[in-house]
Amino acid sequence: MLLLALSPVAAPVRAQDAGAHADTQRPDNDFYCGERRLGQWFYCSKPKAPEKQSPAAPQASAADRMAAITRELNELKAKAILDPTEDNVIAYVRFQREQLDRASTFSDTWQRALWQNPDLDYTLQRPVNTVGKRAWLDNRKADRNAVLTNLGQRYGLFYFYAQSCGACDIFAPILRSVADSHRMAVMAVSMDGGPSRDFPNYVVDTGQRSRMGVPGNETPALVLFDTATKRAIPVGFGILSGDEIMDRIFMLTNTKVGSDF
């Protein structure tokens, strides 16, 4: 009975002592957690240090990759030329063929993309096939002629020539035909004082050209003059065909820069 009476008292004491002993142990105590193996406790499991991840190597840009391909191709080519063994030539040809295949794939993808995205297809603005190009040229010519017919109300032409200029003898009748067909006034200006067979009502240059800001003394020279803005617009120098004269005047007066190409 005495033993039974003492037992409940002794047990808490041992448990308390054990708890006190456990409190004095550090989680990294090998004797307590390892050698004695008194169970698995949270402080006996050492947390693993996080693994350090090495920074990912930066990827080369597309431009750098292209430059590397070009360098390798040039190197293989130089090697095949300087040391034309069969292996060197084959290595160069194989690598070159790989790049040709890559270019062919790009070209094919480009073409398919244009077919399926009409906003990217420039040939819709200026056709290149025979039928489309002919229709585009006919429409453009009709628009050009309609504009030039009424252009004489605002614009006039200055024609700088010289009697000693052989090219002027060829160009003058062409200009005369264009001016007459579209009712445009032409003022012929002689740079050397000599007459013109196609423009008998000429004047001699007394500084008109320099005052208009037309560079050089080349002849023939054709200049479009805007009576509304008092601005001189050089059309061209040398011999021009009738279509060239009309196209240039049309572009200079009725199209914005970059819109016709």
C-alpha atoms as a PDB file:
ATOM      1  CA  MET A   1       0.000   0.000   0.000  1.00  0.00           C
ATOM      2  CA  LEU A   2       2.854   2.309   0.797  1.00  0.00           C
ATOM      3  CA  LEU A   3       4.424   1.597  -2.602  1.00  0.00           C
ATOM      4  CA  LEU A   4       1.115   2.207  -4.348  1.00  0.00           C
ATOM      5  CA  ALA A   5       0.730   5.454  -2.484  1.00  0.00           C
ATOM      6  CA  LEU A   6       4.194   6.647  -3.407  1.00  0.00           C
ATOM      7  CA  SER A   7       4.018   5.600  -7.092  1.00  0.00           C
ATOM      8  CA  PRO A   8       1.732   8.426  -8.371  1.00  0.00           C
ATOM      9  CA  VAL A   9       3.975  10.942  -6.686  1.00  0.00           C
ATOM     10  CA  ALA A  10       7.246   9.587  -8.013  1.00  0.00           C
ATOM     11  CA  ALA A  11       6.117   9.403 -11.625  1.00  0.00           C
ATOM     12  CA  PRO A  12       5.448  13.097 -12.005  1.00  0.00           C
ATOM     13  CA  VAL A  13       8.790  13.836 -10.421  1.00  0.00           C
ATOM     14  CA  ARG A  14      10.617  11.699 -12.996  1.00  0.00           C
ATOM     15  CA  ALA A  15       8.586  13.165 -15.787  1.00  0.00           C
ATOM     16  CA  GLN A  16       9.359  16.637 -14.521  1.00  0.00           C
ATOM     17  CA  ASP A  17      13.053  15.812 -14.235  1.00  0.00           C
ATOM     18  CA  ALA A  18      13.048  14.391 -17.751  1.00  0.00           C
ATOM     19  CA  GLY A  19      11.307  17.475 -19.031  1.00  0.00           C
ATOM     20  CA  ALA A  20      13.803  19.724 -17.315  1.00  0.00           C
ATOM     21  CA  HIS A  21      16.627  17.632 -18.746  1.00  0.00           C
ATOM     22  CA  ALA A  22      15.107  17.902 -22.231  1.00  0.00           C
ATOM     23  CA  ASP A  23      14.870  21.663 -21.901  1.00  0.00           C
ATOM     24  CA  THR A  24      18.617  21.835 -21.365  1.00  0.00           C
ATOM     25  CA  GLN A  25      19.334  19.986 -24.629  1.00  0.00           C
ATOM     26  CA  ARG A  26      20.014  21.932 -27.771  1.00  0.00           C
ATOM     27  CA  PRO A  27      18.363  20.744 -30.952  1.00  0.00           C
ATOM     28  CA  ASP A  28      21.763  20.027 -32.441  1.00  0.00           C
ATOM     29  CA  ASN A  29      22.920  17.855 -29.500  1.00  0.00           C
ATOM     30  CA  ASP A  30      24.112  14.638 -31.158  1.00  0.00           C
ATOM     31  CA  PHE A  31      24.173  12.756 -27.852  1.00  0.00           C
ATOM     32  CA  TYR A  32      20.542  13.481 -27.043  1.00  0.00           C
ATOM     33  CA  CYS A  33      19.023  13.239 -30.508  1.00  0.00           C
ATOM     34  CA  GLY A  34      21.426  10.780 -32.088  1.00  0.00           C
ATOM     35  CA  GLU A  35      23.180   8.394 -29.696  1.00  0.00           C
ATOM     36  CA  ARG A  36      20.420   8.015 -27.116  1.00  0.00           C
ATOM     37  CA  ARG A  37      17.675   7.995 -29.752  1.00  0.00           C
ATOM     38  CA  LEU A  38      14.960   9.064 -27.389  1.00  0.00           C
ATOM     39  CA  GLY A  39      12.386   9.362 -30.117  1.00  0.00           C
ATOM     40  CA  GLN A  40      11.803  11.719 -33.004  1.00  0.00           C
ATOM     41  CA  TRP A  41      11.242  15.302 -31.973  1.00  0.00           C
ATOM     42  CA  PHE A  42      10.879  18.397 -34.083  1.00  0.00           C
ATOM     43  CA  TYR A  43      14.092  19.825 -32.673  1.00  0.00           C
ATOM     44  CA  CYS A  44      16.049  16.734 -33.660  1.00  0.00           C
ATOM     45  CA  SER A  45      15.340  17.207 -37.381  1.00  0.00           C
ATOM     46  CA  LYS A  46      17.684  19.862 -38.659  1.00  0.00           C
ATOM     47  CA  PRO A  47      16.131  21.934 -41.415  1.00  0.00           C
ATOM     48  CA  LYS A  48      17.874  21.645 -44.746  1.00  0.00           C
ATOM     49  CA  ALA A  49      19.518  24.750 -46.025  1.00  0.00           C
ATOM     50  CA  PRO A  50      17.841  26.018 -49.200  1.00  0.00           C
ATOM     51  CA  GLU A  51      19.743  25.083 -52.316  1.00  0.00           C
ATOM     52  CA  LYS A  52      21.296  28.024 -54.050  1.00  0.00           C
ATOM     53  CA  GLN A  53      20.163  28.216 -57.621  1.00  0.00           C
ATOM     54  CA  SER A  54      22.756  29.378 -60.042  1.00  0.00           C
ATOM     55  CA  PRO A  55      21.547  32.327 -62.151  1.00  0.00           C
ATOM     56  CA  ALA A  56      20.398  31.310 -65.608  1.00  0.00           C
ATOM     57  CA  ALA A  57      22.766  32.281 -68.363  1.00  0.00           C
ATOM     58  CA  PRO A  58      21.336  35.129 -70.474  1.00  0.00           C
ATOM     59  CA  GLN A  59      20.111  33.955 -73.838  1.00  0.00           C
ATOM     60  CA  ALA A  60      21.700  35.450 -76.900  1.00  0.00           C
ATOM     61  CA  SER A  61      19.515  37.823 -78.874  1.00  0.00           C
ATOM     62  CA  ALA A  62      18.300  36.948 -82.359  1.00  0.00           C
ATOM     63  CA  ALA A  63      20.676  39.521 -83.848  1.00  0.00           C
ATOM     64  CA  ASP A  64      23.621  37.946 -82.005  1.00  0.00           C
ATOM     65  CA  ARG A  65      22.620  34.499 -83.249  1.00  0.00           C
ATOM     66  CA  MET A  66      22.429  35.768 -86.808  1.00  0.00           C
ATOM     67  CA  ALA A  67      25.843  37.370 -86.460  1.00  0.00           C
ATOM     68  CA  ALA A  68      27.239  34.089 -85.101  1.00  0.00           C
ATOM     69  CA  ILE A  69      25.821  32.180 -88.093  1.00  0.00           C
ATOM     70  CA  THR A  70      27.389  34.670 -90.486  1.00  0.00           C
ATOM     71  CA  ARG A  71      30.760  34.399 -88.767  1.00  0.00           C
ATOM     72  CA  GLU A  72      30.648  30.615 -88.858  1.00  0.00           C
ATOM     73  CA  LEU A  73      29.655  30.593 -92.514  1.00  0.00           C
ATOM     74  CA  ASN A  74      32.490  32.954 -93.417  1.00  0.00           C
ATOM     75  CA  GLU A  75      34.934  30.889 -91.389  1.00  0.00           C
ATOM     76  CA  LEU A  76      33.892  27.634 -93.058  1.00  0.00           C
ATOM     77  CA  LYS A  77      34.088  29.258 -96.475  1.00  0.00           C
ATOM     78  CA  ALA A  78      37.553  30.686 -95.830  1.00  0.00           C
ATOM     79  CA  LYS A  79      38.724  27.348 -94.488  1.00  0.00           C
ATOM     80  CA  ALA A  80      37.379  25.509 -97.534  1.00  0.00           C
ATOM     81  CA  ILE A  81      39.088  27.955 -99.901  1.00  0.00           C
ATOM     82  CA  LEU A  82      42.441  28.066 -98.119  1.00  0.00           C
ATOM     83  CA  ASP A  83      42.514  24.353 -97.333  1.00  0.00           C
ATOM     84  CA  PRO A  84      40.218  22.727 -99.921  1.00  0.00           C
ATOM     85  CA  THR A  85      40.054  19.240 -98.494  1.00  0.00           C
ATOM     86  CA  GLU A  86      36.944  17.180 -99.087  1.00  0.00           C
ATOM     87  CA  ASP A  87      35.923  17.437 -95.431  1.00  0.00           C
ATOM     88  CA  ASN A  88      36.288  21.228 -95.384  1.00  0.00           C
ATOM     89  CA  VAL A  89      34.324  21.683 -98.588  1.00  0.00           C
ATOM     90  CA  ILE A  90      31.564  19.333 -97.401  1.00  0.00           C
ATOM     91  CA  ALA A  91      31.344  21.131 -94.042  1.00  0.00           C
ATOM     92  CA  TYR A  92      30.948  24.468 -95.797  1.00  0.00           C
ATOM     93  CA  VAL A  93      28.384  23.204 -98.290  1.00  0.00           C
ATOM     94  CA  ARG A  94      26.321  21.505 -95.575  1.00  0.00           C
ATOM     95  CA  PHE A  95      26.250  24.598 -93.395  1.00  0.00           C
ATOM     96  CA  GLN A  96      25.437  26.817 -96.344  1.00  0.00           C
ATOM     97  CA  ARG A  97      22.590  24.498 -97.331  1.00  0.00           C
ATOM     98  CA  GLU A  98      21.180  24.707 -93.799  1.00  0.00           C
ATOM     99  CA  GLN A  99      21.056  28.492 -94.096  1.00  0.00           C
ATOM    100  CA  LEU A 100      19.474  28.287 -97.551  1.00  0.00           C
ATOM    101  CA  ASP A 101      16.796  25.993 -96.145  1.00  0.00           C
ATOM    102  CA  ARG A 102      16.202  28.445 -93.317  1.00  0.00           C
ATOM    103  CA  ALA A 103      15.908  31.308 -95.823  1.00  0.00           C
ATOM    104  CA  SER A 104      13.478  29.283 -97.943  1.00  0.00           C
ATOM    105  CA  THR A 105      11.301  28.616 -94.902  1.00  0.00           C
ATOM    106  CA  PHE A 106      11.309  32.312 -94.069  1.00  0.00           C
ATOM    107  CA  SER A 107      10.377  33.238 -97.647  1.00  0.00           C
ATOM    108  CA  ASP A 108       7.542  30.728 -97.721  1.00  0.00           C
ATOM    109  CA  THR A 109       6.188  31.937 -94.363  1.00  0.00           C
ATOM    110  CA  TRP A 110       6.467  35.547 -95.536  1.00  0.00           C
ATOM    111  CA  GLN A 111       4.431  34.785 -98.656  1.00  0.00           C
ATOM    112  CA  ARG A 112       1.717  32.928 -96.759  1.00  0.00           C
ATOM    113  CA  ALA A 113       1.483  35.748 -94.218  1.00  0.00           C
ATOM    114  CA  LEU A 114       0.910  38.282 -97.004  1.00  0.00           C
ATOM    115  CA  TRP A 115      -1.779  36.118 -98.580  1.00  0.00           C
ATOM    116  CA  GLN A 116      -3.680  35.930 -95.313  1.00  0.00           C
ATOM    117  CA  ASN A 117      -3.101  39.522 -94.147  1.00  0.00           C
ATOM    118  CA  PRO A 118      -4.071  41.913 -96.928  1.00  0.00           C
ATOM    119  CA  ASP A 119      -3.045  44.964 -94.912  1.00  0.00           C
ATOM    120  CA  LEU A 120       0.584  43.814 -95.288  1.00  0.00           C
ATOM    121  CA  ASP A 121       0.422  43.070 -99.030  1.00  0.00           C
ATOM    122  CA  TYR A 122       1.934  46.007-100.914  1.00  0.00           C
ATOM    123  CA  THR A 123       1.020  44.463-104.282  1.00  0.00           C
ATOM    124  CA  LEU A 124      -2.608  45.372-103.559  1.00  0.00           C
ATOM    125  CA  GLN A 125      -1.546  49.025-103.744  1.00  0.00           C
ATOM    126  CA  ARG A 126       0.776  48.570-106.716  1.00  0.00           C
ATOM    127  CA  PRO A 127       0.203  45.260-108.534  1.00  0.00           C
ATOM    128  CA  VAL A 128       3.127  43.376-110.046  1.00  0.00           C
ATOM    129  CA  ASN A 129       1.327  40.752-112.128  1.00  0.00           C
ATOM    130  CA  THR A 130       0.592  41.616-115.755  1.00  0.00           C
ATOM    131  CA  VAL A 131      -3.206  41.990-115.547  1.00  0.00           C
ATOM    132  CA  GLY A 132      -3.242  43.909-112.275  1.00  0.00           C
ATOM    133  CA  LYS A 133      -0.371  46.171-113.305  1.00  0.00           C
ATOM    134  CA  ARG A 134      -2.045  47.078-116.594  1.00  0.00           C
ATOM    135  CA  ALA A 135      -5.303  47.972-114.831  1.00  0.00           C
ATOM    136  CA  TRP A 136      -3.411  50.042-112.244  1.00  0.00           C
ATOM    137  CA  LEU A 137      -1.475  51.932-114.929  1.00  0.00           C
ATOM    138  CA  ASP A 138      -4.632  52.654-116.909  1.00  0.00           C
ATOM    139  CA  ASN A 139      -6.418  54.033-113.838  1.00  0.00           C
ATOM    140  CA  ARG A 140      -3.399  56.088-112.846  1.00  0.00           C
ATOM    141  CA  LYS A 141      -3.045  57.504-116.353  1.00  0.00           C
ATOM    142  CA  ALA A 142      -6.709  58.522-116.379  1.00  0.00           C
ATOM    143  CA  ASP A 143      -6.347  60.253-112.993  1.00  0.00           C
ATOM    144  CA  ARG A 144      -3.137  61.958-114.120  1.00  0.00           C
ATOM    145  CA  ASN A 145      -4.631  63.293-117.338  1.00  0.00           C
ATOM    146  CA  ALA A 146      -7.702  64.609-115.517  1.00  0.00           C
ATOM    147  CA  VAL A 147      -5.502  66.476-113.040  1.00  0.00           C
ATOM    148  CA  LEU A 148      -3.115  67.883-115.656  1.00  0.00           C
ATOM    149  CA  THR A 149      -5.982  69.183-117.770  1.00  0.00           C
ATOM    150  CA  ASN A 150      -6.949  71.644-115.014  1.00  0.00           C
ATOM    151  CA  LEU A 151      -3.433  72.206-113.681  1.00  0.00           C
ATOM    152  CA  GLY A 152      -2.742  75.131-115.990  1.00  0.00           C
ATOM    153  CA  GLN A 153      -5.107  77.327-114.004  1.00  0.00           C
ATOM    154  CA  ARG A 154      -2.620  77.432-111.126  1.00  0.00           C
ATOM    155  CA  TYR A 155       0.752  76.208-112.406  1.00  0.00           C
ATOM    156  CA  GLY A 156       3.067  77.232-115.230  1.00  0.00           C
ATOM    157  CA  LEU A 157       6.362  75.853-116.571  1.00  0.00           C
ATOM    158  CA  PHE A 158       9.756  77.502-116.929  1.00  0.00           C
ATOM    159  CA  TYR A 159      11.968  75.885-119.557  1.00  0.00           C
ATOM    160  CA  PHE A 160      15.661  76.775-119.340  1.00  0.00           C
ATOM    161  CA  TYR A 161      17.569  75.929-122.508  1.00  0.00           C
ATOM    162  CA  ALA A 162      20.595  76.942-124.573  1.00  0.00           C
ATOM    163  CA  GLN A 163      20.892  77.253-128.337  1.00  0.00           C
ATOM    164  CA  SER A 164      24.146  75.315-128.235  1.00  0.00           C
ATOM    165  CA  CYS A 165      22.527  72.437-126.289  1.00  0.00           C
ATOM    166  CA  GLY A 166      21.891  69.403-128.498  1.00  0.00           C
ATOM    167  CA  ALA A 167      19.700  67.732-125.863  1.00  0.00           C
ATOM    168  CA  CYS A 168      17.476  70.817-125.845  1.00  0.00           C
ATOM    169  CA  ASP A 169      16.716  70.331-129.558  1.00  0.00           C
ATOM    170  CA  ILE A 170      15.374  66.852-128.718  1.00  0.00           C
ATOM    171  CA  PHE A 171      13.540  67.836-125.548  1.00  0.00           C
ATOM    172  CA  ALA A 172      11.862  71.043-126.769  1.00  0.00           C
ATOM    173  CA  PRO A 173       9.319  69.388-129.148  1.00  0.00           C
ATOM    174  CA  ILE A 174       8.421  66.818-126.451  1.00  0.00           C
ATOM    175  CA  LEU A 175       7.716  69.594-123.961  1.00  0.00           C
ATOM    176  CA  ARG A 176       5.781  71.537-126.585  1.00  0.00           C
ATOM    177  CA  SER A 177       3.503  68.533-127.209  1.00  0.00           C
ATOM    178  CA  VAL A 178       2.804  68.002-123.489  1.00  0.00           C
ATOM    179  CA  ALA A 179       2.106  71.695-122.900  1.00  0.00           C
ATOM    180  CA  ASP A 180      -0.278  71.946-125.848  1.00  0.00           C
ATOM    181  CA  SER A 181      -2.206  68.771-124.995  1.00  0.00           C
ATOM    182  CA  HIS A 182      -2.796  69.894-121.390  1.00  0.00           C
ATOM    183  CA  ARG A 183      -3.070  73.648-122.004  1.00  0.00           C
ATOM    184  CA  MET A 184      -0.113  74.568-119.802  1.00  0.00           C
ATOM    185  CA  ALA A 185       1.783  77.813-120.254  1.00  0.00           C
ATOM    186  CA  VAL A 186       5.543  77.519-120.831  1.00  0.00           C
ATOM    187  CA  MET A 187       8.027  80.356-120.439  1.00  0.00           C
ATOM    188  CA  ALA A 188      11.230  79.513-122.317  1.00  0.00           C
ATOM    189  CA  VAL A 189      14.377  81.104-120.902  1.00  0.00           C
ATOM    190  CA  SER A 190      17.542  81.133-123.002  1.00  0.00           C
ATOM    191  CA  MET A 191      20.712  80.721-120.970  1.00  0.00           C
ATOM    192  CA  ASP A 192      22.994  81.853-123.798  1.00  0.00           C
ATOM    193  CA  GLY A 193      20.706  84.313-125.583  1.00  0.00           C
ATOM    194  CA  GLY A 194      19.992  82.024-128.546  1.00  0.00           C
ATOM    195  CA  PRO A 195      16.504  81.360-129.936  1.00  0.00           C
ATOM    196  CA  SER A 196      14.383  78.217-129.731  1.00  0.00           C
ATOM    197  CA  ARG A 197      12.570  76.810-132.750  1.00  0.00           C
ATOM    198  CA  ASP A 198       9.719  75.349-130.649  1.00  0.00           C
ATOM    199  CA  PHE A 199       9.410  78.325-128.281  1.00  0.00           C
ATOM    200  CA  PRO A 200       9.882  81.461-130.352  1.00  0.00           C
ATOM    201  CA  ASN A 201       8.560  83.737-127.590  1.00  0.00           C
ATOM    202  CA  TYR A 202      11.567  83.146-125.381  1.00  0.00           C
ATOM    203  CA  VAL A 203      13.318  85.499-122.958  1.00  0.00           C
ATOM    204  CA  VAL A 204      16.992  85.751-122.111  1.00  0.00           C
ATOM    205  CA  ASP A 205      18.090  84.809-118.618  1.00  0.00           C
ATOM    206  CA  THR A 206      18.899  87.875-116.551  1.00  0.00           C
ATOM    207  CA  GLY A 207      19.028  86.153-113.186  1.00  0.00           C
ATOM    208  CA  GLN A 208      15.613  84.504-113.212  1.00  0.00           C
ATOM    209  CA  ARG A 209      17.085  81.084-112.637  1.00  0.00           C
ATOM    210  CA  SER A 210      19.141  82.050-109.604  1.00  0.00           C
ATOM    211  CA  ARG A 211      16.271  84.051-108.103  1.00  0.00           C
ATOM    212  CA  MET A 212      14.008  80.999-108.427  1.00  0.00           C
ATOM    213  CA  GLY A 213      16.588  78.922-106.555  1.00  0.00           C
ATOM    214  CA  VAL A 214      17.188  76.467-109.408  1.00  0.00           C
ATOM    215  CA  PRO A 215      20.696  75.035-108.922  1.00  0.00           C
ATOM    216  CA  GLY A 216      23.424  74.873-111.586  1.00  0.00           C
ATOM    217  CA  ASN A 217      23.377  75.867-115.235  1.00  0.00           C
ATOM    218  CA  GLU A 218      22.457  72.496-116.747  1.00  0.00           C
ATOM    219  CA  THR A 219      20.158  72.486-119.754  1.00  0.00           C
ATOM    220  CA  PRO A 220      17.511  71.519-120.504  1.00  0.00           C
ATOM    221  CA  ALA A 221      15.924  72.229-117.143  1.00  0.00           C
ATOM    222  CA  LEU A 222      12.206  72.158-116.436  1.00  0.00           C
ATOM    223  CA  VAL A 223      10.707  73.994-113.454  1.00  0.00           C
ATOM    224  CA  LEU A 224       7.084  74.051-112.285  1.00  0.00           C
ATOM    225  CA  PHE A 225       5.930  77.388-110.856  1.00  0.00           C
ATOM    226  CA  ASP A 226       3.020  77.607-108.387  1.00  0.00           C
ATOM    227  CA  THR A 227       1.282  80.952-108.872  1.00  0.00           C
ATOM    228  CA  ALA A 228      -0.632  80.544-105.606  1.00  0.00           C
ATOM    229  CA  THR A 229       2.408  80.097-103.357  1.00  0.00           C
ATOM    230  CA  LYS A 230       5.001  81.730-105.665  1.00  0.00           C
ATOM    231  CA  ARG A 231       7.138  78.653-105.273  1.00  0.00           C
ATOM    232  CA  ALA A 232       9.414  77.120-107.923  1.00  0.00           C
ATOM    233  CA  ILE A 233       9.482  73.307-108.051  1.00  0.00           C
ATOM    234  CA  PRO A 234      12.222  71.695-110.184  1.00  0.00           C
ATOM    235  CA  VAL A 235      10.733  68.891-112.301  1.00  0.00           C
ATOM    236  CA  GLY A 236      13.882  67.510-113.889  1.00  0.00           C
ATOM    237  CA  PHE A 237      17.043  68.050-115.883  1.00  0.00           C
ATOM    238  CA  GLY A 238      18.055  66.529-119.197  1.00  0.00           C
ATOM    239  CA  ILE A 239      15.868  64.808-121.747  1.00  0.00           C
ATOM    240  CA  LEU A 240      12.537  63.552-120.369  1.00  0.00           C
ATOM    241  CA  SER A 241       9.826  61.659-122.214  1.00  0.00           C
ATOM    242  CA  GLY A 242       6.270  62.966-122.334  1.00  0.00           C
ATOM    243  CA  ASP A 243       5.080  60.373-119.818  1.00  0.00           C
ATOM    244  CA  GLU A 244       7.948  61.245-117.475  1.00  0.00           C
ATOM    245  CA  ILE A 245       7.053  64.934-117.586  1.00  0.00           C
ATOM    246  CA  MET A 246       3.400  64.249-116.832  1.00  0.00           C
ATOM    247  CA  ASP A 247       4.134  61.678-114.127  1.00  0.00           C
ATOM    248  CA  ARG A 248       6.547  63.996-112.328  1.00  0.00           C
ATOM    249  CA  ILE A 249       4.195  66.966-112.452  1.00  0.00           C
ATOM    250  CA  PHE A 250       1.341  64.782-111.207  1.00  0.00           C
ATOM    251  CA  MET A 251       3.420  63.420-108.311  1.00  0.00           C
ATOM    252  CA  LEU A 252       4.792  66.832-107.321  1.00  0.00           C
ATOM    253  CA  THR A 253       1.354  68.440-107.214  1.00  0.00           C
ATOM    254  CA  ASN A 254      -1.090  65.686-106.202  1.00  0.00           C
ATOM    255  CA  THR A 255       0.652  63.027-104.112  1.00  0.00           C
ATOM    256  CA  LYS A 256       2.169  63.076-100.647  1.00  0.00           C
ATOM    257  CA  VAL A 257       5.766  62.032-100.135  1.00  0.00           C
ATOM    258  CA  GLY A 258       5.946  58.270 -99.611  1.00  0.00           C
ATOM    259  CA  SER A 259       2.351  57.567-100.653  1.00  0.00           C
ATOM    260  CA  ASP A 260       3.143  56.474-104.205  1.00  0.00           C
ATOM    261  CA  PHE A 261       5.812  53.836-103.425  1.00  0.00           C
END
